[in-house]
Each structure stands twice: as C-alpha cells, then as structure tokens.
C-alpha atoms as a PDB file:
ATOM      1  CA  MET A   1     104.167  -0.629 -80.108  1.00  0.00           C
ATOM      2  CA  SER A   2     101.480   1.864 -79.110  1.00  0.00           C
ATOM      3  CA  ASN A   3     102.037   5.544 -78.364  1.00  0.00           C
ATOM      4  CA  LEU A   4     101.388   4.746 -74.704  1.00  0.00           C
ATOM      5  CA  ASP A   5     104.192   2.160 -74.718  1.00  0.00           C
ATOM      6  CA  GLN A   6     106.540   4.862 -75.947  1.00  0.00           C
ATOM      7  CA  ARG A   7     105.677   6.926 -72.844  1.00  0.00           C
ATOM      8  CA  ILE A   8     106.782   4.214 -70.406  1.00  0.00           C
ATOM      9  CA  LYS A   9     109.661   6.160 -68.918  1.00  0.00           C
ATOM     10  CA  GLY A  10     110.326   8.271 -65.884  1.00  0.00           C
ATOM     11  CA  ILE A  11     109.187   7.622 -62.337  1.00  0.00           C
ATOM     12  CA  TYR A  12     106.619   4.857 -61.808  1.00  0.00           C
ATOM     13  CA  ALA A  13     104.797   5.268 -58.481  1.00  0.00           C
ATOM     14  CA  ILE A  14     102.416   2.831 -56.787  1.00  0.00           C
ATOM     15  CA  THR A  15      99.666   3.867 -54.397  1.00  0.00           C
ATOM     16  CA  PRO A  16      99.737   2.209 -50.975  1.00  0.00           C
ATOM     17  CA  ASN A  17      97.359  -0.630 -50.208  1.00  0.00           C
ATOM     18  CA  GLN A  18      94.997   1.591 -48.234  1.00  0.00           C
ATOM     19  CA  PRO A  19      92.312   4.212 -48.897  1.00  0.00           C
ATOM     20  CA  ILE A  20      93.746   6.964 -51.081  1.00  0.00           C
ATOM     21  CA  ASP A  21      94.424  10.547 -50.093  1.00  0.00           C
ATOM     22  CA  ILE A  22      93.888  12.271 -53.432  1.00  0.00           C
ATOM     23  CA  ASN A  23      95.446  15.569 -52.280  1.00  0.00           C
ATOM     24  CA  GLN A  24      98.599  13.830 -51.057  1.00  0.00           C
ATOM     25  CA  ILE A  25      98.884  11.837 -54.284  1.00  0.00           C
ATOM     26  CA  GLU A  26      98.523  15.013 -56.340  1.00  0.00           C
ATOM     27  CA  LYS A  27     101.320  16.656 -54.333  1.00  0.00           C
ATOM     28  CA  ILE A  28     103.550  13.641 -54.951  1.00  0.00           C
ATOM     29  CA  ILE A  29     102.787  13.586 -58.697  1.00  0.00           C
ATOM     30  CA  THR A  30     103.592  17.275 -58.956  1.00  0.00           C
ATOM     31  CA  ARG A  31     106.623  17.386 -56.655  1.00  0.00           C
ATOM     32  CA  HIS A  32     108.336  14.294 -58.081  1.00  0.00           C
ATOM     33  CA  LYS A  33     107.130  14.542 -61.683  1.00  0.00           C
ATOM     34  CA  ILE A  34     105.535  11.095 -61.606  1.00  0.00           C
ATOM     35  CA  THR A  35     104.951   9.877 -65.170  1.00  0.00           C
ATOM     36  CA  ILE A  36     103.184   6.588 -64.346  1.00  0.00           C
ATOM     37  CA  LEU A  37     100.881   5.869 -61.403  1.00  0.00           C
ATOM     38  CA  GLN A  38      99.633   2.410 -60.450  1.00  0.00           C
ATOM     39  CA  TYR A  39      96.495   2.102 -58.315  1.00  0.00           C
ATOM     40  CA  ARG A  40      97.032  -0.764 -55.864  1.00  0.00           C
ATOM     41  CA  HIS A  41      94.312  -0.668 -53.186  1.00  0.00           C
ATOM     42  CA  LYS A  42      93.376  -4.337 -52.649  1.00  0.00           C
ATOM     43  CA  THR A  43      89.977  -3.808 -51.082  1.00  0.00           C
ATOM     44  CA  ASN A  44      86.989  -6.069 -51.681  1.00  0.00           C
ATOM     45  CA  ASP A  45      84.675  -3.041 -51.741  1.00  0.00           C
ATOM     46  CA  GLU A  46      83.990  -2.624 -55.471  1.00  0.00           C
ATOM     47  CA  ASN A  47      82.352   0.803 -54.993  1.00  0.00           C
ATOM     48  CA  THR A  48      85.436   2.116 -53.189  1.00  0.00           C
ATOM     49  CA  LYS A  49      87.728   0.770 -55.898  1.00  0.00           C
ATOM     50  CA  LEU A  50      85.629   2.318 -58.640  1.00  0.00           C
ATOM     51  CA  ASP A  51      85.414   5.690 -56.874  1.00  0.00           C
ATOM     52  CA  GLU A  52      89.125   5.831 -56.063  1.00  0.00           C
ATOM     53  CA  ALA A  53      90.153   4.666 -59.529  1.00  0.00           C
ATOM     54  CA  GLN A  54      87.945   7.297 -61.177  1.00  0.00           C
ATOM     55  CA  GLN A  55      89.446  10.033 -58.994  1.00  0.00           C
ATOM     56  CA  LEU A  56      92.976   8.887 -59.794  1.00  0.00           C
ATOM     57  CA  ARG A  57      92.209   8.548 -63.503  1.00  0.00           C
ATOM     58  CA  GLN A  58      90.999  12.136 -63.596  1.00  0.00           C
ATOM     59  CA  LEU A  59      94.015  13.340 -61.613  1.00  0.00           C
ATOM     60  CA  CYS A  60      96.412  11.526 -63.934  1.00  0.00           C
ATOM     61  CA  SER A  61      94.704  13.020 -66.976  1.00  0.00           C
ATOM     62  CA  VAL A  62      95.205  16.527 -65.568  1.00  0.00           C
ATOM     63  CA  HIS A  63      98.913  15.869 -64.946  1.00  0.00           C
ATOM     64  CA  ASN A  64      99.608  13.906 -68.171  1.00  0.00           C
ATOM     65  CA  THR A  65     100.495  10.850 -66.071  1.00  0.00           C
ATOM     66  CA  LEU A  66      99.826   7.325 -67.299  1.00  0.00           C
ATOM     67  CA  PHE A  67      97.356   5.473 -65.081  1.00  0.00           C
ATOM     68  CA  ILE A  68      97.708   1.731 -64.479  1.00  0.00           C
ATOM     69  CA  VAL A  69      95.298  -0.427 -62.458  1.00  0.00           C
ATOM     70  CA  ASN A  70      96.766  -3.306 -60.463  1.00  0.00           C
ATOM     71  CA  ASP A  71      95.247  -6.778 -60.923  1.00  0.00           C
ATOM     72  CA  ASP A  72      91.796  -5.769 -62.223  1.00  0.00           C
ATOM     73  CA  ILE A  73      91.292  -5.847 -65.993  1.00  0.00           C
ATOM     74  CA  ASN A  74      87.558  -5.102 -65.695  1.00  0.00           C
ATOM     75  CA  LEU A  75      88.162  -2.004 -63.569  1.00  0.00           C
ATOM     76  CA  ALA A  76      90.868  -0.812 -65.963  1.00  0.00           C
ATOM     77  CA  GLN A  77      88.442  -1.191 -68.856  1.00  0.00           C
ATOM     78  CA  LYS A  78      85.543   0.437 -66.992  1.00  0.00           C
ATOM     79  CA  ILE A  79      87.455   3.631 -66.183  1.00  0.00           C
ATOM     80  CA  ASN A  80      89.467   3.682 -69.416  1.00  0.00           C
ATOM     81  CA  ALA A  81      92.811   3.352 -67.640  1.00  0.00           C
ATOM     82  CA  ASP A  82      95.970   3.435 -69.724  1.00  0.00           C
ATOM     83  CA  GLY A  83      96.663  -0.134 -68.698  1.00  0.00           C
ATOM     84  CA  VAL A  84      96.813  -2.889 -66.129  1.00  0.00           C
ATOM     85  CA  HIS A  85      99.551  -4.583 -64.123  1.00  0.00           C
ATOM     86  CA  LEU A  86      99.100  -8.329 -63.595  1.00  0.00           C
ATOM     87  CA  GLY A  87     100.560 -10.761 -61.073  1.00  0.00           C
ATOM     88  CA  LYS A  88     100.787 -14.546 -61.112  1.00  0.00           C
ATOM     89  CA  GLU A  89      97.299 -14.991 -59.639  1.00  0.00           C
ATOM     90  CA  ASP A  90      95.661 -12.672 -62.179  1.00  0.00           C
ATOM     91  CA  SER A  91      94.237 -13.209 -65.650  1.00  0.00           C
ATOM     92  CA  PRO A  92      96.639 -14.145 -68.437  1.00  0.00           C
ATOM     93  CA  THR A  93      98.356 -11.449 -70.474  1.00  0.00           C
ATOM     94  CA  LYS A  94      96.572 -12.604 -73.647  1.00  0.00           C
ATOM     95  CA  GLN A  95      93.183 -12.104 -72.001  1.00  0.00           C
ATOM     96  CA  ALA A  96      94.140  -8.611 -70.844  1.00  0.00           C
ATOM     97  CA  ARG A  97      95.375  -7.711 -74.321  1.00  0.00           C
ATOM     98  CA  LYS A  98      92.177  -9.037 -75.906  1.00  0.00           C
ATOM     99  CA  GLN A  99      89.936  -7.199 -73.446  1.00  0.00           C
ATOM    100  CA  LEU A 100      91.827  -3.890 -73.297  1.00  0.00           C
ATOM    101  CA  GLY A 101      93.067  -3.715 -76.885  1.00  0.00           C
ATOM    102  CA  ASN A 102      96.388  -3.042 -78.537  1.00  0.00           C
ATOM    103  CA  ARG A 103      96.740   0.493 -77.184  1.00  0.00           C
ATOM    104  CA  ALA A 104      96.660  -0.589 -73.529  1.00  0.00           C
ATOM    105  CA  ILE A 105      99.800  -0.904 -71.457  1.00  0.00           C
ATOM    106  CA  ILE A 106     100.047  -4.346 -69.891  1.00  0.00           C
ATOM    107  CA  GLY A 107     102.651  -4.957 -67.227  1.00  0.00           C
ATOM    108  CA  VAL A 108     103.398  -8.323 -65.668  1.00  0.00           C
ATOM    109  CA  SER A 109     105.195  -9.265 -62.443  1.00  0.00           C
ATOM    110  CA  CYS A 110     107.603 -12.132 -63.120  1.00  0.00           C
ATOM    111  CA  TYR A 111     109.048 -12.735 -59.640  1.00  0.00           C
ATOM    112  CA  ALA A 112     112.713 -12.922 -60.691  1.00  0.00           C
ATOM    113  CA  ASN A 113     111.831 -15.657 -63.226  1.00  0.00           C
ATOM    114  CA  ILE A 114     113.241 -14.908 -66.672  1.00  0.00           C
ATOM    115  CA  ASN A 115     111.102 -17.643 -68.249  1.00  0.00           C
ATOM    116  CA  LEU A 116     107.929 -15.942 -66.978  1.00  0.00           C
ATOM    117  CA  ALA A 117     109.272 -12.657 -68.356  1.00  0.00           C
ATOM    118  CA  ARG A 118     109.832 -14.149 -71.807  1.00  0.00           C
ATOM    119  CA  GLN A 119     106.403 -15.805 -71.738  1.00  0.00           C
ATOM    120  CA  ALA A 120     104.748 -12.492 -70.801  1.00  0.00           C
ATOM    121  CA  GLN A 121     106.566 -10.732 -73.636  1.00  0.00           C
ATOM    122  CA  ASP A 122     105.497 -13.427 -76.098  1.00  0.00           C
ATOM    123  CA  GLN A 123     101.892 -12.952 -74.950  1.00  0.00           C
ATOM    124  CA  GLY A 124     101.958  -9.196 -75.574  1.00  0.00           C
ATOM    125  CA  ALA A 125     103.111  -7.580 -72.322  1.00  0.00           C
ATOM    126  CA  SER A 126     104.305  -3.996 -72.667  1.00  0.00           C
ATOM    127  CA  TYR A 127     106.753  -4.401 -69.787  1.00  0.00           C
ATOM    128  CA  VAL A 128     107.736  -6.946 -67.160  1.00  0.00           C
ATOM    129  CA  ALA A 129     108.836  -6.495 -63.564  1.00  0.00           C
ATOM    130  CA  LEU A 130     111.431  -9.109 -62.661  1.00  0.00           C
ATOM    131  CA  VAL A 131     112.235  -8.399 -59.018  1.00  0.00           C
ATOM    132  CA  HIS A 132     109.757  -8.189 -56.169  1.00  0.00           C
ATOM    133  CA  CYS A 133     111.081  -5.983 -53.399  1.00  0.00           C
ATOM    134  CA  SER A 134     109.823  -6.634 -49.913  1.00  0.00           C
ATOM    135  CA  ARG A 135     110.872  -6.094 -46.351  1.00  0.00           C
ATOM    136  CA  GLN A 136     111.408  -9.826 -45.812  1.00  0.00           C
ATOM    137  CA  THR A 137     114.371 -10.054 -48.174  1.00  0.00           C
ATOM    138  CA  PRO A 138     117.736  -8.339 -48.378  1.00  0.00           C
ATOM    139  CA  SER A 139     116.588  -6.790 -51.688  1.00  0.00           C
ATOM    140  CA  PRO A 140     116.160  -3.009 -51.943  1.00  0.00           C
ATOM    141  CA  ARG A 141     113.323  -1.820 -49.749  1.00  0.00           C
ATOM    142  CA  ARG A 142     110.188   0.068 -50.723  1.00  0.00           C
ATOM    143  CA  HIS A 143     110.121   3.641 -49.591  1.00  0.00           C
ATOM    144  CA  SER A 144     107.246   6.000 -49.048  1.00  0.00           C
ATOM    145  CA  VAL A 145     107.453   9.253 -50.943  1.00  0.00           C
ATOM    146  CA  HIS A 146     106.024  12.414 -49.426  1.00  0.00           C
END
C-alpha cells in the first residue's frame, strides 16, 4: 500500500461534466475540506482537458488534496496526477497500474457488481466504487456543492 493509498479518506468530490470554474472549485475545496478531487470533464478537446487538469493539479497541490483523473490514464500520467478512476469502458486496471506505477491511486467503478470489485482488487485497484448513483434510479441522488 502506497502513502497515497493511506490518504484515501475524507470527502471525495467530482467536478461536473462541463468546463471548470477554478475559483468556484477552490472555494468548495476550502469550505468543505475536500481531501480528494476527481476531474471528470468528458470533452473531446484534448487541449481543454490538459489545461483544466493542469490547473486543478496545481490547485490540489496547494490545498494538499489528492487529484484523480477520470477515465484517462495518459492524461493522469502527463500531469502527474495522484491517480486515475476507471469505468467499464476504460483501460484495464493492470494497464493503469503498469503505466502509472505502484504509487498511483487507481479507482474502479464496479456498477454494483461484487465480482467486478473483487477482480479490480486482484488487479491492483486502490479502491472500488460499487454503486452508481443517478437520477434515473431510486438510489441516493447526486448533489451539487456550493
């Protein structure tokens, strides 16, 4: 277990799937003592993703907040993120571990499937997310934090 894995605690926030407002995100990190931030802007504009991820990486460094990139192992590596969060359509956990190294945090969405969770753990995931919350189900809803 890496030192980063030992810091996986506290409030884990996810950016909205839209262009970031760095000032608003900084206020949220400060006000709510966010300890982990996941960048989740699913744009096809690689320059935008790189720029936003670099801004967030710097912000997280200032606030001692772990920074996780959603879905994109190459971007996580390029900006030296603390880790990556993978879904079922993304690269395998083993590939992420090989590319990012043993110190990286690797999270995996398992869609309420315990077998996927066990498989992800066996492949080196640092954590798994079992339940996907959405507005289409009676599960707990996502809430915006301001």
